[in-house]
């Protein structure tokens, strides 16, 4: 019988004499050598080589160890709901955020447009006291009320935070900031100085087309005297002031005024815009516009400064009735 070419561990060649007798049986405990044929191993379950080959033929089980990395669709700058969404109660003012109509994303080609619209809606709701100081704002609830995703709402929250209208905390979530009377007084000073200076020292004649647009905003204010639409009244008032700065070729001056006057306007709407008070504001606007049309920019500037300084509210009553809406230690 020919010898087998495979060498055992001892280094000796295997011979036929080493092979088991024909017809013999093998058990798992029997110490036997495999019979190696050309290119294969005959069955011998107790031998390590046969067991290794059997393991190779079986499917390899998957490892249960999970990767520490997040899936690609979950990677964000920070984990969701960690900073912007309060853990406790839901937004109590969801219905108040439905100011005009849900934002239709199909009509906006860019996400920035949706974010700007969300910012304007939220800012108007806070300034007109539809969402009161200290109220909690949940990112998910606001997005659902406006009919948009959470990303534009998060961007709008960032702009409102920069303006000082909301506070974002990991512990308490997102809340509308309390009114700071120091900022109110600063806004009155800055706006009265800047807007009157734009009219008096611009060195240019007011644009007639822009003045016609201001006239339309005044007529809109007159129609809204007896209505309860504080949002529309606020937009018409802002159109008057922004129109005057644009008429004298200083549109960015109004952007600066708008950024610092949020608390000032919140106080005005918090005490309630009564019809008599609204009529007096419209009369002051009319007088300013008439002086500008007549070319009397000096008198128009004086009237503008007096108009802004005329923050008409009862300080003692405001503090007594709405103390929870102001920062602690504010002196009215």
Protein backbone atom coordinates (compact mmCIF):
# COMPACT_ATOMS: atom_id res chain seq x y z
CA UNK A 1 0.00 0.00 0.00
CA UNK A 2 1.31 3.43 -0.92
CA UNK A 3 2.18 5.82 1.82
CA UNK A 4 0.24 9.06 2.41
CA UNK A 5 2.11 12.28 1.75
CA UNK A 6 0.67 14.23 4.68
CA UNK A 7 2.98 14.40 7.67
CA UNK A 8 1.71 14.00 11.25
CA UNK A 9 2.76 16.37 14.02
CA UNK A 10 5.53 14.00 15.06
CA UNK A 11 7.16 14.41 11.66
CA UNK A 12 6.75 10.74 10.64
CA UNK A 13 4.96 9.56 7.55
CA UNK A 14 1.63 7.81 7.88
CA UNK A 15 1.32 4.34 6.48
CA UNK A 16 -1.51 1.98 5.82
CA UNK A 17 -0.65 0.17 9.01
CA UNK A 18 -1.66 3.28 10.90
CA UNK A 19 -5.11 3.24 9.30
CA UNK A 20 -7.98 1.61 11.17
CA UNK A 21 -9.24 -1.72 10.03
CA UNK A 22 -12.06 -1.76 7.49
CA UNK A 23 -15.49 -1.78 9.06
CA UNK A 24 -14.28 -0.43 12.41
CA UNK A 25 -16.38 2.19 14.15
CA UNK A 26 -15.34 5.56 15.52
CA UNK A 27 -16.56 7.30 18.61
CA UNK A 28 -16.03 10.84 19.85
CA UNK A 29 -13.54 9.51 22.37
CA UNK A 30 -11.58 7.21 20.11
CA UNK A 31 -8.08 8.40 19.32
CA UNK A 32 -7.69 7.76 15.63
CA UNK A 33 -5.99 9.26 12.62
CA UNK A 34 -7.96 10.50 9.63
CA UNK A 35 -7.75 8.72 6.33
CA UNK A 36 -6.72 11.40 3.89
CA UNK A 37 -7.63 10.85 0.28
CA UNK A 38 -6.73 12.98 -2.71
CA UNK A 39 -8.09 16.50 -2.05
CA UNK A 40 -10.51 15.65 0.77
CA UNK A 41 -10.83 14.43 4.33
CA UNK A 42 -12.96 11.41 5.05
CA UNK A 43 -15.40 11.63 7.92
CA UNK A 44 -13.85 11.47 11.35
CA UNK A 45 -15.82 13.74 13.69
CA UNK A 46 -13.41 13.45 16.59
CA UNK A 47 -10.40 14.86 14.75
CA UNK A 48 -9.62 18.63 15.08
CA UNK A 49 -9.13 19.07 11.33
CA UNK A 50 -12.53 17.64 10.51
CA UNK A 51 -14.15 19.79 13.19
CA UNK A 52 -12.44 22.89 11.80
CA UNK A 53 -13.68 22.13 8.31
CA UNK A 54 -17.18 21.68 9.64
CA UNK A 55 -17.05 25.08 11.34
CA UNK A 56 -15.93 26.69 8.10
CA UNK A 57 -18.92 25.26 6.27
CA UNK A 58 -21.38 26.63 8.85
CA UNK A 59 -22.63 30.26 8.51
CA UNK A 60 -20.74 32.63 10.72
CA UNK A 61 -23.00 34.35 13.29
CA UNK A 62 -23.06 38.14 13.25
CA UNK A 63 -21.40 40.02 16.01
CA UNK A 64 -23.83 41.64 18.43
CA UNK A 65 -21.46 44.43 19.23
CA UNK A 66 -23.02 47.71 18.07
CA UNK A 67 -21.06 50.58 16.67
CA UNK A 68 -20.65 53.62 18.91
CA UNK A 69 -21.09 55.95 15.95
CA UNK A 70 -24.51 57.40 15.18
CA UNK A 71 -26.20 56.43 11.93
CA UNK A 72 -25.67 59.02 9.25
CA UNK A 73 -29.32 60.13 9.33
CA UNK A 74 -29.05 60.85 13.08
CA UNK A 75 -25.88 62.94 12.99
CA UNK A 76 -26.60 66.50 14.11
CA UNK A 77 -24.65 69.35 15.64
CA UNK A 78 -26.23 68.46 18.97
CA UNK A 79 -28.68 65.76 20.08
CA UNK A 80 -32.30 66.70 19.33
CA UNK A 81 -34.44 68.19 22.10
CA UNK A 82 -31.43 68.74 24.32
CA UNK A 83 -31.37 72.51 24.37
CA UNK A 84 -34.42 73.85 22.55
CA UNK A 85 -37.38 71.78 23.71
CA UNK A 86 -38.50 71.84 27.32
CA UNK A 87 -38.83 68.46 28.98
CA UNK A 88 -41.96 69.34 30.94
CA UNK A 89 -45.18 70.88 29.88
CA UNK A 90 -46.33 71.37 26.38
CA UNK A 91 -46.67 74.81 24.85
CA UNK A 92 -49.70 76.51 26.39
CA UNK A 93 -49.97 79.07 23.61
CA UNK A 94 -50.03 76.89 20.51
CA UNK A 95 -53.33 78.33 19.26
CA UNK A 96 -52.02 81.88 19.64
CA UNK A 97 -49.23 81.17 17.17
CA UNK A 98 -51.74 80.68 14.33
CA UNK A 99 -51.69 84.35 13.43
CA UNK A 100 -52.41 84.57 9.73
CA UNK A 101 -52.26 81.21 7.99
CA UNK A 102 -50.05 78.11 8.06
CA UNK A 103 -46.81 78.52 6.19
CA UNK A 104 -47.12 76.62 2.91
CA UNK A 105 -43.69 75.22 2.11
CA UNK A 106 -44.56 74.60 -1.55
CA UNK A 107 -44.81 78.35 -2.10
CA UNK A 108 -41.32 78.95 -0.75
CA UNK A 109 -38.35 77.86 -2.79
CA UNK A 110 -35.77 78.38 -0.07
CA UNK A 111 -35.64 77.31 3.54
CA UNK A 112 -34.47 80.80 4.54
CA UNK A 113 -37.82 82.19 3.41
CA UNK A 114 -39.67 79.77 5.67
CA UNK A 115 -37.35 80.58 8.56
CA UNK A 116 -37.87 84.32 8.08
CA UNK A 117 -41.63 83.85 8.00
CA UNK A 118 -41.52 81.78 11.20
CA UNK A 119 -39.39 84.46 12.86
CA UNK A 120 -41.84 87.21 11.88
CA UNK A 121 -44.85 85.24 13.11
CA UNK A 122 -43.25 84.40 16.45
CA UNK A 123 -41.93 87.92 16.96
CA UNK A 124 -45.34 89.44 16.28
CA UNK A 125 -47.02 87.00 18.66
CA UNK A 126 -44.61 87.92 21.46
CA UNK A 127 -44.69 91.70 20.89
CA UNK A 128 -48.49 91.92 20.65
CA UNK A 129 -48.80 89.96 23.95
CA UNK A 130 -50.49 86.96 22.34
CA UNK A 131 -47.72 84.92 23.89
CA UNK A 132 -47.14 86.40 27.33
CA UNK A 133 -43.76 86.94 29.04
CA UNK A 134 -42.56 83.82 30.83
CA UNK A 135 -44.56 81.42 28.64
CA UNK A 136 -42.85 78.20 27.56
CA UNK A 137 -42.35 77.47 23.87
CA UNK A 138 -41.86 73.90 22.67
CA UNK A 139 -40.12 73.59 19.33
CA UNK A 140 -42.30 70.68 18.25
CA UNK A 141 -45.56 72.42 19.14
CA UNK A 142 -44.60 75.63 17.35
CA UNK A 143 -43.63 73.72 14.21
CA UNK A 144 -46.93 71.83 14.27
CA UNK A 145 -48.95 75.02 14.77
CA UNK A 146 -47.26 76.70 11.80
CA UNK A 147 -47.31 73.64 9.57
CA UNK A 148 -43.55 73.53 9.00
CA UNK A 149 -40.60 71.39 10.05
CA UNK A 150 -38.56 71.98 13.18
CA UNK A 151 -35.45 73.30 11.42
CA UNK A 152 -36.91 76.72 10.43
CA UNK A 153 -38.39 77.03 13.93
CA UNK A 154 -34.97 76.36 15.45
CA UNK A 155 -33.44 79.06 13.24
CA UNK A 156 -36.22 81.48 14.22
CA UNK A 157 -35.56 80.71 17.89
CA UNK A 158 -31.92 81.63 17.37
CA UNK A 159 -32.85 85.05 15.95
CA UNK A 160 -35.33 85.70 18.75
CA UNK A 161 -32.68 84.73 21.29
CA UNK A 162 -30.24 87.23 19.77
CA UNK A 163 -32.92 89.90 20.01
CA UNK A 164 -33.59 89.10 23.66
CA UNK A 165 -37.19 87.99 23.21
CA UNK A 166 -36.69 84.38 24.35
CA UNK A 167 -34.39 82.56 26.74
CA UNK A 168 -32.96 79.11 25.99
CA UNK A 169 -31.77 76.95 28.87
CA UNK A 170 -30.95 73.21 29.04
CA UNK A 171 -32.78 73.00 32.38
CA UNK A 172 -35.95 75.03 31.78
CA UNK A 173 -36.20 74.83 27.99
CA UNK A 174 -37.29 77.76 25.82
CA UNK A 175 -39.31 80.55 27.40
CA UNK A 176 -40.40 84.04 26.44
CA UNK A 177 -38.12 86.47 28.27
CA UNK A 178 -39.45 88.85 30.89
CA UNK A 179 -39.62 92.56 30.06
CA UNK A 180 -36.53 94.57 30.97
CA UNK A 181 -37.43 98.20 31.75
CA UNK A 182 -33.80 99.26 31.31
CA UNK A 183 -34.01 98.14 27.70
CA UNK A 184 -37.32 99.99 27.33
CA UNK A 185 -35.73 103.29 28.37
CA UNK A 186 -32.73 102.67 26.12
CA UNK A 187 -35.02 101.96 23.16
CA UNK A 188 -36.94 105.20 23.71
CA UNK A 189 -33.70 107.19 23.76
CA UNK A 190 -32.13 105.51 20.73
CA UNK A 191 -35.23 105.58 18.56
CA UNK A 192 -36.14 109.19 19.35
CA UNK A 193 -32.59 110.29 18.56
CA UNK A 194 -32.01 108.20 15.45
CA UNK A 195 -35.37 108.54 13.69
CA UNK A 196 -35.52 112.31 14.22
CA UNK A 197 -31.93 112.63 12.95
CA UNK A 198 -32.79 110.69 9.79
CA UNK A 199 -35.52 113.22 8.97
CA UNK A 200 -33.60 116.36 9.91
CA UNK A 201 -30.08 115.55 8.70
CA UNK A 202 -30.57 113.28 5.71
CA UNK A 203 -29.75 116.01 3.18
CA UNK A 204 -32.12 114.52 0.60
CA UNK A 205 -35.73 115.12 -0.33
CA UNK A 206 -38.21 112.45 0.65
CA UNK A 207 -39.16 110.07 -2.14
CA UNK A 208 -42.74 110.87 -3.27
CA UNK A 209 -43.56 107.25 -4.08
CA UNK A 210 -42.55 106.12 -0.61
CA UNK A 211 -44.63 108.90 0.95
CA UNK A 212 -47.65 107.61 -0.95
CA UNK A 213 -47.06 104.16 0.55
CA UNK A 214 -46.88 105.75 4.01
CA UNK A 215 -50.24 107.39 3.31
CA UNK A 216 -51.71 103.97 2.60
CA UNK A 217 -50.35 102.63 5.91
CA UNK A 218 -52.03 105.55 7.73
CA UNK A 219 -55.36 104.73 6.12
CA UNK A 220 -54.93 101.12 7.16
CA UNK A 221 -54.37 102.24 10.75
CA UNK A 222 -57.53 104.33 10.64
CA UNK A 223 -59.57 101.32 9.49
CA UNK A 224 -58.16 99.19 12.33
CA UNK A 225 -59.01 101.60 15.16
CA UNK A 226 -62.08 99.68 16.32
CA UNK A 227 -60.86 96.21 15.41
CA UNK A 228 -59.19 93.63 17.63
CA UNK A 229 -56.52 92.72 15.09
CA UNK A 230 -53.47 93.85 17.03
CA UNK A 231 -51.15 92.08 14.61
CA UNK A 232 -52.38 94.06 11.61
CA UNK A 233 -52.22 97.29 13.61
CA UNK A 234 -48.64 96.53 14.61
CA UNK A 235 -47.64 95.86 11.01
CA UNK A 236 -49.22 99.13 9.83
CA UNK A 237 -47.40 101.08 12.55
CA UNK A 238 -44.09 99.49 11.60
CA UNK A 239 -44.77 100.29 7.93
CA UNK A 240 -45.08 103.98 8.82
CA UNK A 241 -41.76 104.18 10.69
CA UNK A 242 -39.83 101.99 8.25
CA UNK A 243 -41.30 103.94 5.33
CA UNK A 244 -40.04 107.26 6.65
CA UNK A 245 -36.46 106.00 7.05
CA UNK A 246 -36.64 104.50 3.54
CA UNK A 247 -38.05 107.75 2.12
CA UNK A 248 -34.94 109.58 3.33
CA UNK A 249 -32.59 106.86 1.97
CA UNK A 250 -31.69 105.35 5.36
CA UNK A 251 -33.48 101.98 5.40
CA UNK A 252 -30.91 100.31 7.66
CA UNK A 253 -31.59 102.87 10.37
CA UNK A 254 -34.99 101.29 10.90
CA UNK A 255 -33.43 97.81 11.08
CA UNK A 256 -31.31 99.03 14.00
CA UNK A 257 -34.32 100.62 15.68
CA UNK A 258 -36.43 97.50 15.28
CA UNK A 259 -33.75 95.31 16.83
CA UNK A 260 -33.67 97.26 20.10
CA UNK A 261 -37.32 98.29 20.47
CA UNK A 262 -38.96 94.91 21.14
CA UNK A 263 -39.47 95.44 24.89
CA UNK A 264 -40.75 98.97 24.31
CA UNK A 265 -43.47 97.71 21.97
CA UNK A 266 -44.30 94.82 24.29
CA UNK A 267 -45.12 97.29 27.06
CA UNK A 268 -47.45 99.24 24.77
CA UNK A 269 -49.42 96.15 23.75
CA UNK A 270 -49.37 94.69 27.26
CA UNK A 271 -51.35 97.57 28.73
CA UNK A 272 -53.85 97.32 25.89
CA UNK A 273 -54.18 99.48 22.79
CA UNK A 274 -57.47 101.28 23.42
CA UNK A 275 -59.24 103.09 20.55
CA UNK A 276 -58.60 106.56 21.99
CA UNK A 277 -54.90 105.80 22.37
CA UNK A 278 -54.73 104.43 18.82
CA UNK A 279 -56.42 107.56 17.44
CA UNK A 280 -53.88 109.80 19.18
CA UNK A 281 -51.02 107.77 17.67
CA UNK A 282 -52.54 108.06 14.19
CA UNK A 283 -52.97 111.83 14.64
CA UNK A 284 -49.28 112.16 15.51
CA UNK A 285 -48.35 110.09 12.46
CA UNK A 286 -50.53 112.32 10.27
CA UNK A 287 -48.89 115.49 11.59
CA UNK A 288 -45.39 114.12 10.93
CA UNK A 289 -46.28 113.10 7.38
CA UNK A 290 -47.83 116.51 6.62
CA UNK A 291 -44.68 118.33 7.76
CA UNK A 292 -42.51 116.05 5.63
CA UNK A 293 -44.66 116.68 2.55
CA UNK A 294 -44.43 120.43 3.19
CA UNK A 295 -40.63 120.22 3.31
CA UNK A 296 -40.43 121.23 7.01
CA UNK A 297 -38.02 118.49 8.04
CA UNK A 298 -36.96 120.28 11.22
CA UNK A 299 -40.50 120.41 12.59
CA UNK A 300 -41.15 116.85 11.43
CA UNK A 301 -38.05 115.66 13.30
CA UNK A 302 -39.22 117.41 16.49
CA UNK A 303 -42.65 115.80 16.23
CA UNK A 304 -41.09 112.38 15.64
CA UNK A 305 -38.92 112.63 18.76
CA UNK A 306 -41.91 113.71 20.87
CA UNK A 307 -44.03 110.92 19.39
CA UNK A 308 -41.55 108.22 20.38
CA UNK A 309 -40.96 109.64 23.87
CA UNK A 310 -44.70 109.66 24.50
CA UNK A 311 -44.82 106.16 25.97
CA UNK A 312 -48.23 106.57 27.54
CA UNK A 313 -48.84 104.06 30.29
CA UNK A 314 -49.55 104.14 34.03
CA UNK A 315 -46.36 102.82 35.56
CA UNK A 316 -47.79 102.07 38.99
CA UNK A 317 -50.81 100.24 37.57
CA UNK A 318 -48.66 98.30 35.14
CA UNK A 319 -46.33 97.11 37.88
CA UNK A 320 -49.19 96.19 40.20
CA UNK A 321 -51.25 94.28 37.64
CA UNK A 322 -48.45 92.58 35.68
CA UNK A 323 -45.58 92.23 38.13
CA UNK A 324 -44.91 88.65 36.99
CA UNK A 325 -44.12 89.89 33.47
CA UNK A 326 -41.11 92.02 34.49
CA UNK A 327 -37.63 91.17 35.62
CA UNK A 328 -37.03 91.23 39.35
CA UNK A 329 -35.63 94.54 40.59
CA UNK A 330 -36.90 96.65 37.68
CA UNK A 331 -37.90 100.14 38.74
CA UNK A 332 -40.63 101.62 36.59
